[in-house]
C-alpha atoms as a PDB file:
ATOM      1  CA  MET A   1      19.624  13.102  -3.884  1.00  0.00           C
ATOM      2  CA  VAL A   2      17.416   9.999  -3.866  1.00  0.00           C
ATOM      3  CA  SER A   3      18.715   7.370  -6.258  1.00  0.00           C
ATOM      4  CA  LYS A   4      16.909   4.674  -8.230  1.00  0.00           C
ATOM      5  CA  MET A   5      16.230   1.266  -6.690  1.00  0.00           C
ATOM      6  CA  PRO A   6      18.532  -1.356  -8.307  1.00  0.00           C
ATOM      7  CA  GLU A   7      16.968  -4.516  -9.726  1.00  0.00           C
ATOM      8  CA  VAL A   8      17.948  -7.702  -7.904  1.00  0.00           C
ATOM      9  CA  SER A   9      17.532 -11.279  -9.098  1.00  0.00           C
ATOM     10  CA  VAL A  10      16.486 -13.713  -6.378  1.00  0.00           C
ATOM     11  CA  GLU A  11      17.320 -17.132  -7.752  1.00  0.00           C
ATOM     12  CA  LYS A  12      18.619 -19.172  -4.822  1.00  0.00           C
ATOM     13  CA  ALA A  13      18.796 -16.152  -2.550  1.00  0.00           C
ATOM     14  CA  ASN A  14      18.352 -15.831   1.203  1.00  0.00           C
ATOM     15  CA  GLU A  15      15.078 -14.031   1.832  1.00  0.00           C
ATOM     16  CA  VAL A  16      14.007 -12.000   4.843  1.00  0.00           C
ATOM     17  CA  ILE A  17      10.696 -10.212   5.373  1.00  0.00           C
ATOM     18  CA  ARG A  18      10.763  -7.703   8.193  1.00  0.00           C
ATOM     19  CA  GLN A  19       9.102  -4.583   9.478  1.00  0.00           C
ATOM     20  CA  ALA A  20      10.892  -1.515   8.139  1.00  0.00           C
ATOM     21  CA  GLU A  21      12.649   0.826  10.543  1.00  0.00           C
ATOM     22  CA  ARG A  22      13.334   4.554  10.329  1.00  0.00           C
ATOM     23  CA  GLU A  23      16.692   4.013   8.627  1.00  0.00           C
ATOM     24  CA  ASP A  24      14.805   2.153   5.863  1.00  0.00           C
ATOM     25  CA  ALA A  25      12.769   5.221   4.893  1.00  0.00           C
ATOM     26  CA  GLU A  26      14.678   5.882   1.675  1.00  0.00           C
ATOM     27  CA  THR A  27      14.364   2.233   0.629  1.00  0.00           C
ATOM     28  CA  VAL A  28      10.612   2.304   1.290  1.00  0.00           C
ATOM     29  CA  PHE A  29      10.338   5.549  -0.675  1.00  0.00           C
ATOM     30  CA  LEU A  30      12.256   4.138  -3.650  1.00  0.00           C
ATOM     31  CA  LEU A  31      10.180   0.953  -3.762  1.00  0.00           C
ATOM     32  CA  ILE A  32       6.895   2.873  -3.603  1.00  0.00           C
ATOM     33  CA  ARG A  33       8.147   5.174  -6.348  1.00  0.00           C
ATOM     34  CA  SER A  34       9.036   2.091  -8.415  1.00  0.00           C
ATOM     35  CA  LEU A  35       5.468   0.870  -7.926  1.00  0.00           C
ATOM     36  CA  ALA A  36       4.132   4.210  -9.175  1.00  0.00           C
ATOM     37  CA  GLU A  37       6.426   4.069 -12.209  1.00  0.00           C
ATOM     38  CA  SER A  38       5.266   0.550 -13.036  1.00  0.00           C
ATOM     39  CA  HIS A  39       1.609   1.613 -13.037  1.00  0.00           C
ATOM     40  CA  ARG A  40       1.333   4.956 -14.744  1.00  0.00           C
ATOM     41  CA  GLY A  41       4.704   6.579 -14.552  1.00  0.00           C
ATOM     42  CA  LYS A  42       5.685   9.084 -11.912  1.00  0.00           C
ATOM     43  CA  ALA A  43       3.178  11.771 -12.936  1.00  0.00           C
ATOM     44  CA  GLY A  44       0.723  10.998 -10.106  1.00  0.00           C
ATOM     45  CA  PHE A  45       3.432  10.261  -7.558  1.00  0.00           C
ATOM     46  CA  LEU A  46       3.763  13.269  -5.255  1.00  0.00           C
ATOM     47  CA  ALA A  47       5.184  11.762  -2.067  1.00  0.00           C
ATOM     48  CA  THR A  48       8.635  12.820  -0.935  1.00  0.00           C
ATOM     49  CA  LEU A  49      11.244  11.090   1.163  1.00  0.00           C
ATOM     50  CA  GLU A  50      10.393  13.550   3.933  1.00  0.00           C
ATOM     51  CA  ASP A  51       6.719  12.480   3.734  1.00  0.00           C
ATOM     52  CA  VAL A  52       7.770   8.853   4.203  1.00  0.00           C
ATOM     53  CA  ARG A  53      10.045   9.713   7.113  1.00  0.00           C
ATOM     54  CA  ARG A  54       7.400  11.855   8.848  1.00  0.00           C
ATOM     55  CA  ASP A  55       4.288   9.757   8.214  1.00  0.00           C
ATOM     56  CA  GLY A  56       5.754   6.263   8.160  1.00  0.00           C
ATOM     57  CA  PHE A  57       8.454   6.564  10.795  1.00  0.00           C
ATOM     58  CA  GLY A  58       7.641   9.632  12.885  1.00  0.00           C
ATOM     59  CA  LYS A  59       6.497   9.881  16.503  1.00  0.00           C
ATOM     60  CA  LYS A  60       2.995   8.685  15.578  1.00  0.00           C
ATOM     61  CA  PRO A  61       3.348   6.689  12.339  1.00  0.00           C
ATOM     62  CA  LEU A  62       0.275   6.737  10.108  1.00  0.00           C
ATOM     63  CA  TYR A  63       1.207   3.479   8.405  1.00  0.00           C
ATOM     64  CA  GLU A  64       3.552   0.504   8.683  1.00  0.00           C
ATOM     65  CA  SER A  65       6.017  -0.665   6.056  1.00  0.00           C
ATOM     66  CA  TRP A  66       7.382  -4.171   5.608  1.00  0.00           C
ATOM     67  CA  LEU A  67      10.358  -5.009   3.423  1.00  0.00           C
ATOM     68  CA  ALA A  68      11.292  -8.154   1.538  1.00  0.00           C
ATOM     69  CA  GLU A  69      15.028  -8.574   1.123  1.00  0.00           C
ATOM     70  CA  THR A  70      17.099 -11.167  -0.679  1.00  0.00           C
ATOM     71  CA  ASP A  71      20.748 -11.500   0.273  1.00  0.00           C
ATOM     72  CA  GLY A  72      20.403  -8.157   2.089  1.00  0.00           C
ATOM     73  CA  ASN A  73      19.030  -6.321  -0.973  1.00  0.00           C
ATOM     74  CA  PRO A  74      15.523  -4.803  -0.865  1.00  0.00           C
ATOM     75  CA  VAL A  75      13.236  -6.367  -3.482  1.00  0.00           C
ATOM     76  CA  GLY A  76       9.715  -5.698  -2.211  1.00  0.00           C
ATOM     77  CA  VAL A  77       7.560  -3.594   0.051  1.00  0.00           C
ATOM     78  CA  ALA A  78       4.116  -3.669   1.603  1.00  0.00           C
ATOM     79  CA  THR A  79       2.593  -0.640   3.322  1.00  0.00           C
ATOM     80  CA  PHE A  80      -0.652  -0.621   5.258  1.00  0.00           C
ATOM     81  CA  PHE A  81      -2.681   1.370   7.719  1.00  0.00           C
ATOM     82  CA  MET A  82      -5.501   0.720  10.137  1.00  0.00           C
ATOM     83  CA  THR A  83      -9.158   1.511   9.584  1.00  0.00           C
ATOM     84  CA  TYR A  84     -12.153   0.598  11.723  1.00  0.00           C
ATOM     85  CA  SER A  85     -15.515  -1.066  11.174  1.00  0.00           C
ATOM     86  CA  THR A  86     -18.176   0.461  13.373  1.00  0.00           C
ATOM     87  CA  PHE A  87     -20.544  -2.319  12.218  1.00  0.00           C
ATOM     88  CA  LYS A  88     -18.204  -5.062  13.409  1.00  0.00           C
ATOM     89  CA  GLY A  89     -16.725  -3.122  16.309  1.00  0.00           C
ATOM     90  CA  ARG A  90     -13.212  -4.137  15.289  1.00  0.00           C
ATOM     91  CA  PRO A  91     -10.226  -2.713  13.464  1.00  0.00           C
ATOM     92  CA  CYS A  92      -9.443  -3.436   9.827  1.00  0.00           C
ATOM     93  CA  LEU A  93      -6.193  -3.313   7.941  1.00  0.00           C
ATOM     94  CA  HIS A  94      -5.925  -1.635   4.531  1.00  0.00           C
ATOM     95  CA  LEU A  95      -3.019  -2.830   2.385  1.00  0.00           C
ATOM     96  CA  ASP A  96      -2.095   0.342   0.518  1.00  0.00           C
ATOM     97  CA  ASN A  97       0.945  -0.765  -1.487  1.00  0.00           C
ATOM     98  CA  LEU A  98       2.332  -4.137  -2.466  1.00  0.00           C
ATOM     99  CA  TYR A  99       5.307  -4.191  -4.797  1.00  0.00           C
ATOM    100  CA  VAL A 100       8.023  -6.640  -5.780  1.00  0.00           C
ATOM    101  CA  ASN A 101      10.798  -5.676  -8.211  1.00  0.00           C
ATOM    102  CA  GLU A 102      10.433  -7.199 -11.665  1.00  0.00           C
ATOM    103  CA  GLY A 103      13.547  -9.370 -11.293  1.00  0.00           C
ATOM    104  CA  ALA A 104      12.286 -10.769  -7.991  1.00  0.00           C
ATOM    105  CA  ARG A 105       8.837 -11.844  -9.169  1.00  0.00           C
ATOM    106  CA  ARG A 106       7.655 -15.435  -9.553  1.00  0.00           C
ATOM    107  CA  PHE A 107       9.526 -16.565  -6.443  1.00  0.00           C
ATOM    108  CA  GLY A 108       6.620 -16.231  -3.994  1.00  0.00           C
ATOM    109  CA  ILE A 109       7.800 -13.005  -2.379  1.00  0.00           C
ATOM    110  CA  ALA A 110       4.459 -11.222  -2.834  1.00  0.00           C
ATOM    111  CA  GLN A 111       2.621 -14.191  -1.304  1.00  0.00           C
ATOM    112  CA  ARG A 112       4.960 -14.154   1.682  1.00  0.00           C
ATOM    113  CA  LEU A 113       4.556 -10.388   2.102  1.00  0.00           C
ATOM    114  CA  ILE A 114       0.765 -10.788   2.112  1.00  0.00           C
ATOM    115  CA  LEU A 115       1.041 -13.684   4.568  1.00  0.00           C
ATOM    116  CA  CYS A 116       3.084 -11.471   6.923  1.00  0.00           C
ATOM    117  CA  ILE A 117       0.547  -8.650   6.583  1.00  0.00           C
ATOM    118  CA  CYS A 118      -2.347 -11.043   7.275  1.00  0.00           C
ATOM    119  CA  ARG A 119      -0.532 -12.300  10.368  1.00  0.00           C
ATOM    120  CA  ARG A 120      -0.039  -8.696  11.449  1.00  0.00           C
ATOM    121  CA  ALA A 121      -3.768  -8.073  10.933  1.00  0.00           C
ATOM    122  CA  VAL A 122      -4.625 -11.036  13.166  1.00  0.00           C
ATOM    123  CA  GLU A 123      -2.105  -9.802  15.747  1.00  0.00           C
ATOM    124  CA  LEU A 124      -3.876  -6.406  15.699  1.00  0.00           C
ATOM    125  CA  ASN A 125      -7.296  -8.098  16.147  1.00  0.00           C
ATOM    126  CA  CYS A 126      -8.495  -7.061  12.686  1.00  0.00           C
ATOM    127  CA  TRP A 127     -11.522  -8.753  11.239  1.00  0.00           C
ATOM    128  CA  ARG A 128     -10.639  -7.810   7.652  1.00  0.00           C
ATOM    129  CA  MET A 129      -7.653  -7.030   5.472  1.00  0.00           C
ATOM    130  CA  ASP A 130      -8.508  -5.247   2.254  1.00  0.00           C
ATOM    131  CA  LEU A 131      -6.892  -3.573  -0.701  1.00  0.00           C
ATOM    132  CA  GLN A 132      -8.098  -1.735  -3.764  1.00  0.00           C
ATOM    133  CA  VAL A 133      -7.097  -3.140  -7.136  1.00  0.00           C
ATOM    134  CA  GLU A 134      -7.778  -1.454 -10.459  1.00  0.00           C
ATOM    135  CA  LYS A 135      -9.914  -3.426 -12.907  1.00  0.00           C
ATOM    136  CA  ASP A 136      -7.089  -3.694 -15.462  1.00  0.00           C
ATOM    137  CA  ASN A 137      -4.423  -4.780 -12.947  1.00  0.00           C
ATOM    138  CA  LYS A 138      -3.015  -8.182 -13.946  1.00  0.00           C
ATOM    139  CA  ALA A 139      -2.405  -8.947 -10.258  1.00  0.00           C
ATOM    140  CA  ARG A 140      -6.145  -9.504  -9.698  1.00  0.00           C
ATOM    141  CA  ALA A 141      -5.792 -13.167 -10.708  1.00  0.00           C
ATOM    142  CA  PHE A 142      -2.892 -13.525  -8.262  1.00  0.00           C
ATOM    143  CA  TYR A 143      -4.940 -12.076  -5.381  1.00  0.00           C
ATOM    144  CA  GLU A 144      -7.840 -14.423  -6.107  1.00  0.00           C
ATOM    145  CA  LYS A 145      -5.478 -17.407  -6.409  1.00  0.00           C
ATOM    146  CA  ILE A 146      -4.113 -16.862  -2.906  1.00  0.00           C
ATOM    147  CA  GLY A 147      -7.562 -16.445  -1.345  1.00  0.00           C
ATOM    148  CA  LEU A 148      -8.616 -12.794  -1.533  1.00  0.00           C
ATOM    149  CA  SER A 149     -12.125 -12.133  -2.828  1.00  0.00           C
ATOM    150  CA  GLU A 150     -13.448  -9.202  -4.799  1.00  0.00           C
ATOM    151  CA  THR A 151     -16.232  -7.453  -2.896  1.00  0.00           C
ATOM    152  CA  SER A 152     -19.298  -5.732  -4.253  1.00  0.00           C
ATOM    153  CA  ASP A 153     -18.405  -2.513  -2.442  1.00  0.00           C
ATOM    154  CA  ARG A 154     -18.214   0.539  -4.622  1.00  0.00           C
ATOM    155  CA  VAL A 155     -15.522   2.979  -3.667  1.00  0.00           C
ATOM    156  CA  TYR A 156     -16.207   6.682  -4.019  1.00  0.00           C
ATOM    157  CA  ALA A 157     -13.532   9.256  -3.418  1.00  0.00           C
ATOM    158  CA  VAL A 158     -12.850  12.958  -3.528  1.00  0.00           C
ATOM    159  CA  TRP A 159      -9.294  14.254  -3.455  1.00  0.00           C
ATOM    160  CA  ASP A 160      -6.929  17.150  -3.765  1.00  0.00           C
ATOM    161  CA  LYS A 161      -8.507  20.324  -5.196  1.00  0.00           C
ATOM    162  CA  ASN A 162     -11.991  18.780  -5.311  1.00  0.00           C
ATOM    163  CA  LEU A 163     -11.758  17.818  -1.632  1.00  0.00           C
ATOM    164  CA  ASN A 164     -10.897  21.404  -0.702  1.00  0.00           C
ATOM    165  CA  GLU A 165     -13.710  22.767  -2.877  1.00  0.00           C
ATOM    166  CA  LEU A 166     -16.260  20.374  -1.396  1.00  0.00           C
ATOM    167  CA  ALA A 167     -15.183  21.285   2.138  1.00  0.00           C
ATOM    168  CA  GLN A 168     -15.877  24.966   1.344  1.00  0.00           C
ATOM    169  CA  LYS A 169     -19.362  24.479  -0.138  1.00  0.00           C
ATOM    170  CA  ASP A 170     -22.496  25.684   1.539  1.00  0.00           C
ATOM    171  CA  LEU A 171     -24.564  22.740   2.792  1.00  0.00           C
ATOM    172  CA  GLY A 172     -27.851  24.258   1.577  1.00  0.00           C
ATOM    173  CA  THR A 173     -26.518  24.730  -1.949  1.00  0.00           C
ATOM    174  CA  LEU A 174     -25.020  21.259  -1.959  1.00  0.00           C
ATOM    175  CA  LEU A 175     -28.262  19.589  -0.874  1.00  0.00           C
ATOM    176  CA  SER A 176     -30.381  21.533  -3.368  1.00  0.00           C
ATOM    177  CA  LYS A 177     -28.739  19.727  -6.316  1.00  0.00           C
ATOM    178  CA  LYS A 178     -30.844  16.953  -7.834  1.00  0.00           C
ATOM    179  CA  VAL A 179     -29.464  13.431  -7.737  1.00  0.00           C
ATOM    180  CA  LYS A 180     -29.450  11.695 -11.116  1.00  0.00           C
END
């Protein structure tokens, strides 16, 4: 049974930011689930602990996780994966999740997590680190304050059932539809 992540206050605490290891999988899972709960509740959260173990800590991990801890207690997480720019001929890093427990906010932990991720991006020869932020997310001001810029890129996506349906469509039928 996976428990709930306890809240931790960080006033005058010893802080460590480190790359997560396989034995941290449950902690990473709980922090990501806490992020999902803080946004829209758990309804859209489908990942399991086994998914995190397999995809984040398996033989060929699909993403990296970094943990922020205060006095040995986990208070934050950042997860990211690599992408690639064929225009620039260099890798890119996509920050997928950034979360700090409510009681640990306003102590600079998120800034330090992002700093570590940016350093990791430079280490991996990335030319860009990006993340997607919803228009109504209050953290947008924070990201701009620390130096991230909103881009003009529009993101289009297809997922789940719609992805499977699109993959099954006939190309001729698909191309015969008029574009509005």
